Amino acid sequence: MAKEDIVDLSDEKHRQCVFITRYLRAYFRDGKFYVATLDMTSLKNNLIEKLKQQLSVPDGSVDYDKLVSEIFSQFNFDESDDQPIFGKIGTTGFVTRGGKDFRGPVVEATIDPIADRPVTVSKLDYVAVGSDLIREVLHAIFDASDGIPAVSTAIGVGLPESYRLRVNVGQETHVDEEEFRKVEEWAGTVEGITSAAVGRLVRGAGWASLDNEAVASMIETSVGVAARKAAEKLIWCRYACELEDLYDTEMARKAGVDDISLAGGRQIVLRIAVDGPPAPLASERDPWRPPSTR
């Protein structure tokens, strides 16, 4: 996606669009998520039955199995296996900055032109797909805004140079492999607890309950991922630079974080900016400072 292709967008919004586009494309296996095959076993059986009905010959006088096999051989069909017609299933997927892999559903169509139902298509779990799409979009928005370093296989690392996430290198970010693992572990715990709590709330019998699994699942995913990304940034900064150093703008940027809102390490304010320039760092707007930094 070229920047000139997006009209009237701020740099921050454009950056988010680049991340969202790439993350969703990766989730859908770069477009390789569907395949159509010819069901040779069903086709052969149905063809034998059709020939028996159409050919007026005494029973046993024709070896229909051999006849159909000869027909298949004329078209270079391997009757022992389904024949791919078009499409391909990709092996790539969306890899989060922490290294977790998400892949979109596969659409498989099976074709038998002489069957009562010529085409059958695999079923999709639309609720799961909807929740996954929300997950990828939120990951993209937060990653574009926060810029926290990632594993080398993360999709965000492969973006154009002016947008890509930095690969976590302990000597540069001051977060070693063990600390990186703890960041992901704690962030995952926060997401799990939050999602479970929200899930019980929206599916329960109380006033906030919803009689719609699709909406409930999307709400659960939205709140859970948002909580994860907020915790991810806070814990990352705790390892990259001690909490009192977060008020040092230069130190925070060296740690690979673009924006962090704290109040003495006791409160985090989660904001998704939709208009205007990126929010300033805590040191530029927070009236409270730890005693050591005053």
Protein backbone atom coordinates (compact mmCIF):
# COMPACT_ATOMS: atom_id res chain seq x y z
CA MET A 1 0.00 0.00 0.00
CA ALA A 2 1.50 3.32 -1.07
CA LYS A 3 0.99 6.39 1.05
CA GLU A 4 -0.40 8.32 -1.92
CA ASP A 5 -3.18 5.72 -2.19
CA ILE A 6 -4.66 6.92 1.11
CA VAL A 7 -6.28 10.34 1.05
CA ASP A 8 -6.58 12.81 3.92
CA LEU A 9 -4.98 10.63 6.58
CA SER A 10 -2.60 11.77 9.28
CA ASP A 11 0.77 10.03 9.53
CA GLU A 12 -0.48 8.11 12.56
CA LYS A 13 -3.65 6.95 10.83
CA HIS A 14 -1.71 6.03 7.73
CA ARG A 15 0.71 3.98 9.84
CA GLN A 16 -2.23 2.16 11.41
CA CYS A 17 -3.74 1.46 7.98
CA VAL A 18 -0.46 -0.05 6.81
CA PHE A 19 -0.33 -2.34 9.86
CA ILE A 20 -4.00 -3.34 9.59
CA THR A 21 -3.72 -4.14 5.89
CA ARG A 22 -0.62 -6.30 6.35
CA TYR A 23 -1.89 -8.07 9.46
CA LEU A 24 -5.21 -9.01 7.84
CA ARG A 25 -3.50 -10.16 4.65
CA ALA A 26 -1.20 -12.38 6.69
CA TYR A 27 -4.15 -13.79 8.66
CA PHE A 28 -5.79 -14.82 5.38
CA ARG A 29 -2.58 -16.59 4.31
CA ASP A 30 -1.74 -13.91 1.73
CA GLY A 31 -4.86 -14.84 -0.22
CA LYS A 32 -4.09 -18.56 -0.35
CA PHE A 33 -6.93 -19.87 1.80
CA TYR A 34 -9.17 -21.70 -0.69
CA VAL A 35 -8.85 -24.79 -2.87
CA ALA A 36 -11.19 -26.77 -5.10
CA THR A 37 -10.66 -30.48 -5.76
CA LEU A 38 -12.33 -33.14 -7.84
CA ASP A 39 -13.61 -36.00 -5.68
CA MET A 40 -12.33 -38.93 -7.73
CA THR A 41 -13.85 -41.71 -5.61
CA SER A 42 -17.34 -40.19 -5.70
CA LEU A 43 -16.99 -39.28 -9.38
CA LYS A 44 -15.98 -42.84 -10.30
CA ASN A 45 -18.83 -44.44 -8.36
CA ASN A 46 -21.41 -42.03 -9.77
CA LEU A 47 -20.06 -42.47 -13.30
CA ILE A 48 -20.34 -46.27 -13.04
CA GLU A 49 -23.97 -45.93 -11.91
CA LYS A 50 -24.75 -43.54 -14.78
CA LEU A 51 -23.19 -45.91 -17.33
CA LYS A 52 -25.17 -48.85 -16.00
CA GLN A 53 -28.36 -46.84 -16.39
CA GLN A 54 -27.54 -45.56 -19.87
CA LEU A 55 -25.97 -48.64 -21.52
CA SER A 56 -28.43 -51.32 -22.57
CA VAL A 57 -26.19 -54.34 -22.20
CA PRO A 58 -26.59 -57.61 -20.31
CA ASP A 59 -25.39 -57.61 -16.74
CA GLY A 60 -21.81 -58.78 -16.38
CA SER A 61 -20.93 -58.22 -20.01
CA VAL A 62 -19.12 -54.93 -19.29
CA ASP A 63 -16.42 -54.31 -16.70
CA TYR A 64 -17.56 -50.84 -15.70
CA ASP A 65 -14.75 -50.36 -13.22
CA LYS A 66 -12.16 -51.01 -15.90
CA LEU A 67 -14.06 -48.84 -18.41
CA VAL A 68 -14.14 -45.84 -16.07
CA SER A 69 -10.46 -46.31 -15.20
CA GLU A 70 -9.61 -46.17 -18.89
CA ILE A 71 -11.66 -42.99 -19.27
CA PHE A 72 -9.80 -41.41 -16.35
CA SER A 73 -6.45 -42.40 -17.84
CA GLN A 74 -7.30 -40.47 -21.01
CA PHE A 75 -7.49 -37.30 -18.91
CA ASN A 76 -4.43 -38.18 -16.79
CA PHE A 77 -6.60 -38.47 -13.70
CA ASP A 78 -5.22 -40.36 -10.74
CA GLU A 79 -8.31 -42.11 -9.47
CA SER A 80 -6.57 -43.02 -6.21
CA ASP A 81 -6.48 -39.38 -5.06
CA ASP A 82 -8.55 -36.19 -5.36
CA GLN A 83 -7.49 -33.94 -8.21
CA PRO A 84 -6.81 -30.25 -7.43
CA ILE A 85 -8.57 -27.92 -9.87
CA PHE A 86 -7.65 -24.45 -8.66
CA GLY A 87 -6.57 -22.60 -5.55
CA LYS A 88 -3.88 -23.27 -2.97
CA ILE A 89 -3.61 -23.38 0.78
CA GLY A 90 -0.86 -21.15 2.13
CA THR A 91 1.25 -22.10 5.12
CA THR A 92 1.94 -18.56 6.34
CA GLY A 93 -0.20 -16.75 8.90
CA PHE A 94 -0.34 -13.75 11.19
CA VAL A 95 2.46 -13.83 13.77
CA THR A 96 2.07 -11.40 16.67
CA ARG A 97 4.95 -9.33 17.99
CA GLY A 98 5.29 -11.94 20.73
CA GLY A 99 5.48 -14.84 18.28
CA LYS A 100 1.99 -16.33 18.49
CA ASP A 101 0.62 -17.64 15.19
CA PHE A 102 -2.96 -17.06 13.97
CA ARG A 103 -4.18 -18.42 10.64
CA GLY A 104 -7.49 -17.81 8.93
CA PRO A 105 -9.89 -20.63 8.05
CA VAL A 106 -9.43 -22.75 4.97
CA VAL A 107 -12.23 -22.89 2.39
CA GLU A 108 -12.33 -26.26 0.64
CA ALA A 109 -14.68 -27.02 -2.24
CA THR A 110 -15.18 -30.60 -3.42
CA ILE A 111 -16.55 -31.07 -6.92
CA ASP A 112 -18.33 -34.04 -8.44
CA PRO A 113 -20.04 -32.86 -11.66
CA ILE A 114 -22.46 -35.79 -11.95
CA ALA A 115 -23.50 -36.03 -8.30
CA ASP A 116 -26.88 -34.80 -7.05
CA ARG A 117 -24.96 -32.01 -5.30
CA PRO A 118 -22.10 -31.14 -7.65
CA VAL A 119 -20.27 -28.81 -5.25
CA THR A 120 -19.84 -29.06 -1.50
CA VAL A 121 -18.03 -26.37 0.48
CA SER A 122 -16.53 -26.66 3.95
CA LYS A 123 -18.35 -24.78 6.69
CA LEU A 124 -16.85 -21.72 8.35
CA ASP A 125 -17.15 -20.70 11.98
CA TYR A 126 -18.14 -17.09 11.36
CA VAL A 127 -18.14 -16.24 15.07
CA ALA A 128 -14.52 -17.38 15.41
CA VAL A 129 -13.51 -15.55 12.22
CA GLY A 130 -15.19 -12.33 13.40
CA SER A 131 -13.38 -12.48 16.73
CA ASP A 132 -10.07 -13.17 14.99
CA LEU A 133 -10.52 -10.16 12.71
CA ILE A 134 -11.09 -7.92 15.71
CA ARG A 135 -7.98 -9.41 17.32
CA GLU A 136 -5.80 -8.69 14.28
CA VAL A 137 -7.10 -5.14 13.88
CA LEU A 138 -6.48 -4.30 17.55
CA HIS A 139 -3.00 -5.82 17.42
CA ALA A 140 -2.29 -3.69 14.36
CA ILE A 141 -3.54 -0.46 15.94
CA PHE A 142 -1.61 -0.94 19.16
CA ASP A 143 1.57 -2.13 17.44
CA ALA A 144 1.47 0.82 15.04
CA SER A 145 1.05 3.26 17.94
CA ASP A 146 3.31 1.68 20.57
CA GLY A 147 6.11 0.30 18.40
CA ILE A 148 7.22 -2.22 21.03
CA PRO A 149 10.06 -4.45 19.67
CA ALA A 150 9.08 -7.91 18.47
CA VAL A 151 10.39 -11.37 17.67
CA SER A 152 12.16 -11.68 14.33
CA THR A 153 9.30 -13.72 12.80
CA ALA A 154 6.56 -11.20 13.64
CA ILE A 155 4.62 -9.83 10.67
CA GLY A 156 5.24 -6.28 11.86
CA VAL A 157 8.99 -6.77 11.44
CA GLY A 158 8.55 -7.42 7.71
CA LEU A 159 6.86 -4.10 6.96
CA PRO A 160 8.66 -1.36 4.95
CA GLU A 161 11.56 0.16 6.87
CA SER A 162 9.76 3.35 7.85
CA TYR A 163 6.95 1.36 9.51
CA ARG A 164 8.42 -1.93 10.69
CA LEU A 165 8.73 -3.00 14.30
CA ARG A 166 12.21 -3.34 15.69
CA VAL A 167 13.51 -6.83 16.43
CA ASN A 168 14.12 -7.19 20.13
CA VAL A 169 17.86 -7.21 20.77
CA GLY A 170 18.62 -7.25 24.48
CA GLN A 171 21.70 -5.04 24.23
CA GLU A 172 19.66 -2.29 22.57
CA THR A 173 16.27 -2.56 24.29
CA HIS A 174 17.57 -3.77 27.69
CA VAL A 175 15.04 -6.64 27.61
CA ASP A 176 16.64 -10.08 27.42
CA GLU A 177 14.96 -13.27 26.20
CA GLU A 178 13.74 -14.32 29.65
CA GLU A 179 12.25 -10.89 30.34
CA PHE A 180 10.66 -10.88 26.87
CA ARG A 181 9.06 -14.24 27.69
CA LYS A 182 7.74 -12.87 30.99
CA VAL A 183 6.22 -9.86 29.22
CA GLU A 184 4.27 -12.20 26.95
CA GLU A 185 3.36 -14.52 29.81
CA TRP A 186 1.95 -11.75 31.98
CA ALA A 187 0.19 -10.03 29.09
CA GLY A 188 -1.39 -13.36 28.14
CA THR A 189 -2.55 -13.84 31.72
CA VAL A 190 -4.16 -10.40 31.76
CA GLU A 191 -5.94 -11.14 28.48
CA GLY A 192 -7.18 -14.50 29.72
CA ILE A 193 -8.53 -13.16 33.01
CA THR A 194 -10.15 -10.14 31.38
CA SER A 195 -11.73 -12.16 28.58
CA ALA A 196 -13.10 -14.70 31.04
CA ALA A 197 -14.61 -11.99 33.24
CA VAL A 198 -16.16 -10.12 30.32
CA GLY A 199 -17.38 -13.39 28.82
CA ARG A 200 -19.23 -14.30 32.01
CA LEU A 201 -20.72 -10.81 32.20
CA VAL A 202 -22.09 -10.66 28.66
CA ARG A 203 -23.26 -14.29 28.64
CA GLY A 204 -24.72 -14.36 32.14
CA ALA A 205 -28.25 -13.80 33.32
CA GLY A 206 -27.74 -10.25 34.54
CA TRP A 207 -28.77 -6.95 32.98
CA ALA A 208 -25.59 -6.82 30.87
CA SER A 209 -26.07 -10.24 29.33
CA LEU A 210 -26.47 -10.60 25.57
CA ASP A 211 -28.55 -13.19 23.79
CA ASN A 212 -26.17 -13.15 20.84
CA GLU A 213 -23.05 -15.32 20.87
CA ALA A 214 -21.43 -13.49 17.95
CA VAL A 215 -21.66 -10.09 19.63
CA ALA A 216 -20.65 -11.53 23.01
CA SER A 217 -17.58 -13.18 21.50
CA MET A 218 -16.50 -9.99 19.74
CA ILE A 219 -16.90 -7.92 22.90
CA GLU A 220 -14.96 -10.50 24.89
CA THR A 221 -12.13 -10.47 22.33
CA SER A 222 -12.05 -6.68 22.05
CA VAL A 223 -11.73 -6.04 25.77
CA GLY A 224 -9.34 -8.94 26.31
CA VAL A 225 -6.92 -7.89 23.55
CA ALA A 226 -7.05 -4.22 24.58
CA ALA A 227 -6.19 -5.22 28.16
CA ARG A 228 -3.38 -7.43 26.88
CA LYS A 229 -1.78 -4.70 24.81
CA ALA A 230 -2.01 -2.20 27.67
CA ALA A 231 -0.39 -4.68 30.06
CA GLU A 232 2.18 -5.61 27.43
CA LYS A 233 3.37 -2.02 27.16
CA LEU A 234 3.42 -1.41 30.91
CA ILE A 235 5.35 -4.62 31.69
CA TRP A 236 7.74 -4.06 28.78
CA CYS A 237 8.61 -0.63 30.15
CA ARG A 238 9.08 -2.10 33.61
CA TYR A 239 11.87 -4.31 32.24
CA ALA A 240 13.28 -1.94 29.62
CA CYS A 241 13.64 1.02 31.99
CA GLU A 242 12.71 1.22 35.63
CA LEU A 243 9.36 2.87 36.29
CA GLU A 244 10.92 6.11 37.50
CA ASP A 245 12.86 6.32 34.23
CA LEU A 246 9.68 6.23 32.19
CA TYR A 247 9.40 9.96 32.74
CA ASP A 248 12.66 10.38 30.86
CA THR A 249 11.48 10.87 27.28
CA GLU A 250 14.76 9.80 25.71
CA MET A 251 15.05 6.70 27.89
CA ALA A 252 11.51 5.62 26.99
CA ARG A 253 12.13 6.02 23.28
CA LYS A 254 15.36 4.02 23.48
CA ALA A 255 13.33 1.26 25.10
CA GLY A 256 11.22 1.14 21.95
CA VAL A 257 8.05 2.67 23.37
CA ASP A 258 6.39 5.68 21.80
CA ASP A 259 3.78 6.47 24.44
CA ILE A 260 3.15 5.39 28.01
CA SER A 261 0.65 6.91 30.46
CA LEU A 262 1.38 6.14 34.10
CA ALA A 263 0.59 7.50 37.52
CA GLY A 264 3.31 6.31 39.83
CA GLY A 265 3.09 2.79 38.46
CA ARG A 266 -0.33 2.38 40.02
CA GLN A 267 -2.57 3.26 37.11
CA ILE A 268 -2.52 2.90 33.36
CA VAL A 269 -4.67 4.97 31.03
CA LEU A 270 -5.45 3.22 27.78
CA ARG A 271 -6.18 5.53 24.85
CA ILE A 272 -6.58 4.92 21.12
CA ALA A 273 -6.06 8.21 19.34
CA VAL A 274 -8.38 8.70 16.38
CA ASP A 275 -7.67 12.34 15.63
CA GLY A 276 -4.72 14.66 15.92
CA PRO A 277 -1.05 13.93 16.54
CA PRO A 278 0.22 11.03 18.68
CA ALA A 279 -0.29 11.55 22.40
CA PRO A 280 2.76 12.90 24.29
CA LEU A 281 4.73 10.84 26.75
CA ALA A 282 3.88 10.87 30.43
CA SER A 283 6.83 13.18 31.10
CA GLU A 284 5.29 15.74 28.77
CA ARG A 285 1.81 15.83 30.31
CA ASP A 286 1.57 14.05 33.66
CA PRO A 287 1.64 16.53 36.56
CA TRP A 288 2.60 13.78 39.01
CA ARG A 289 6.24 12.74 39.09
CA PRO A 290 7.98 10.28 41.40
CA PRO A 291 10.09 12.08 44.04
CA SER A 292 13.30 10.83 42.44
CA THR A 293 12.54 12.66 39.17
CA ARG A 294 11.35 16.00 40.50
